[in-house]
Structure formats: structure tokens, C-alpha cells
Amino acid sequence: MKLKKQIISCPHCGHHLHIDVDMSQGDQDYYDDCRVCCHPIHFNLHVDEVHRTLELHVSADDD
């Protein structure tokens, strides 16, 4: 399992959250609740294996 630590801001309350992103599963699209305000956060993850980069988009998904 390849974990990468990231710091994000909750799109609802703005609180900074420390998360571990599992890069071993490739591209992912999932929801997880904010630990502070409990609103759902939409995570869209793209893993570029060739360049060994991670692209993470975080949104409230209510746009």
C-alpha cells in the first residue's frame, strides 16, 4: 500500500484536515465526511504512475 499524507481544507467549514491518500488503488472517486463539521467531501484522485505524481481535487459537490 502506498500512502501519501496530504493536508486539505474542508470545502464546507474551511478546517484543515490531515488525510492519508492510498495511491496503490490508482484513480479514485469517493466521499468522506469532514471530521469537524460532518459534511460530505468529494475526493477525486488521479495517480500518474509514469511521472509519480498525485492530483487530488476536493469539493463540496454542491456546485
C-alpha atoms as a PDB file:
ATOM      1  CA  MET A   1       0.000   0.000   0.000  1.00  0.00           C
ATOM      2  CA  LYS A   2       1.389   3.397  -0.991  1.00  0.00           C
ATOM      3  CA  LEU A   3       0.102   6.093   1.374  1.00  0.00           C
ATOM      4  CA  LYS A   4       0.770   9.763   0.869  1.00  0.00           C
ATOM      5  CA  LYS A   5      -0.012  12.329   3.530  1.00  0.00           C
ATOM      6  CA  GLN A   6      -1.952  15.390   2.364  1.00  0.00           C
ATOM      7  CA  ILE A   7      -3.383  18.458   4.066  1.00  0.00           C
ATOM      8  CA  ILE A   8      -6.698  19.686   2.672  1.00  0.00           C
ATOM      9  CA  SER A   9      -9.222  22.349   3.632  1.00  0.00           C
ATOM     10  CA  CYS A  10     -12.815  21.291   4.109  1.00  0.00           C
ATOM     11  CA  PRO A  11     -14.860  22.995   1.370  1.00  0.00           C
ATOM     12  CA  HIS A  12     -17.705  23.467   3.885  1.00  0.00           C
ATOM     13  CA  CYS A  13     -16.094  24.753   7.093  1.00  0.00           C
ATOM     14  CA  GLY A  14     -12.528  25.532   5.963  1.00  0.00           C
ATOM     15  CA  HIS A  15     -10.910  23.425   8.678  1.00  0.00           C
ATOM     16  CA  HIS A  16      -7.549  21.902   7.715  1.00  0.00           C
ATOM     17  CA  LEU A  17      -7.596  18.112   7.692  1.00  0.00           C
ATOM     18  CA  HIS A  18      -4.647  15.725   7.541  1.00  0.00           C
ATOM     19  CA  ILE A  19      -5.507  12.753   5.346  1.00  0.00           C
ATOM     20  CA  ASP A  20      -3.702   9.674   4.046  1.00  0.00           C
ATOM     21  CA  VAL A  21      -4.276   9.012   0.340  1.00  0.00           C
ATOM     22  CA  ASP A  22      -3.920   5.396  -0.838  1.00  0.00           C
ATOM     23  CA  MET A  23      -2.138   5.635  -4.200  1.00  0.00           C
ATOM     24  CA  SER A  24      -1.995   1.837  -4.698  1.00  0.00           C
ATOM     25  CA  GLN A  25      -5.596   1.731  -5.956  1.00  0.00           C
ATOM     26  CA  GLY A  26      -4.990   4.109  -8.898  1.00  0.00           C
ATOM     27  CA  ASP A  27      -7.604   6.707  -9.848  1.00  0.00           C
ATOM     28  CA  GLN A  28     -10.405   7.062  -7.308  1.00  0.00           C
ATOM     29  CA  ASP A  29     -13.638   8.992  -6.852  1.00  0.00           C
ATOM     30  CA  TYR A  30     -15.131   8.838  -3.355  1.00  0.00           C
ATOM     31  CA  TYR A  31     -16.777  10.724  -0.484  1.00  0.00           C
ATOM     32  CA  ASP A  32     -15.648  11.050   3.121  1.00  0.00           C
ATOM     33  CA  ASP A  33     -17.142  13.158   5.899  1.00  0.00           C
ATOM     34  CA  CYS A  34     -15.307  16.106   7.433  1.00  0.00           C
ATOM     35  CA  ARG A  35     -14.209  15.205  10.974  1.00  0.00           C
ATOM     36  CA  VAL A  36     -15.182  18.683  12.188  1.00  0.00           C
ATOM     37  CA  CYS A  37     -18.483  19.652  10.524  1.00  0.00           C
ATOM     38  CA  CYS A  38     -19.553  16.143   9.343  1.00  0.00           C
ATOM     39  CA  HIS A  39     -20.480  17.341   5.824  1.00  0.00           C
ATOM     40  CA  PRO A  40     -19.542  15.049   2.932  1.00  0.00           C
ATOM     41  CA  ILE A  41     -16.379  15.935   0.987  1.00  0.00           C
ATOM     42  CA  HIS A  42     -15.989  14.748  -2.602  1.00  0.00           C
ATOM     43  CA  PHE A  43     -12.486  13.467  -3.408  1.00  0.00           C
ATOM     44  CA  ASN A  44     -11.349  12.905  -6.985  1.00  0.00           C
ATOM     45  CA  LEU A  45      -7.881  11.381  -7.199  1.00  0.00           C
ATOM     46  CA  HIS A  46      -5.714  10.848 -10.264  1.00  0.00           C
ATOM     47  CA  VAL A  47      -2.446   8.926  -9.949  1.00  0.00           C
ATOM     48  CA  ASP A  48       0.130   9.352 -12.720  1.00  0.00           C
ATOM     49  CA  GLU A  49       2.366   6.293 -12.377  1.00  0.00           C
ATOM     50  CA  VAL A  50       4.751   7.417 -15.135  1.00  0.00           C
ATOM     51  CA  HIS A  51       5.611  10.761 -13.512  1.00  0.00           C
ATOM     52  CA  ARG A  52       4.904   9.522  -9.975  1.00  0.00           C
ATOM     53  CA  THR A  53       2.542  12.390  -9.263  1.00  0.00           C
ATOM     54  CA  LEU A  54      -0.759  12.703  -7.473  1.00  0.00           C
ATOM     55  CA  GLU A  55      -3.561  15.065  -8.468  1.00  0.00           C
ATOM     56  CA  LEU A  56      -6.266  15.468  -5.810  1.00  0.00           C
ATOM     57  CA  HIS A  57      -9.412  17.557  -6.284  1.00  0.00           C
ATOM     58  CA  VAL A  58     -11.560  18.247  -3.238  1.00  0.00           C
ATOM     59  CA  SER A  59     -15.039  19.767  -3.488  1.00  0.00           C
ATOM     60  CA  ALA A  60     -18.315  20.175  -1.642  1.00  0.00           C
ATOM     61  CA  ASP A  61     -20.068  18.613  -4.666  1.00  0.00           C
ATOM     62  CA  ASP A  62     -22.979  21.018  -4.290  1.00  0.00           C
ATOM     63  CA  ASP A  63     -21.900  23.349  -7.113  1.00  0.00           C
END
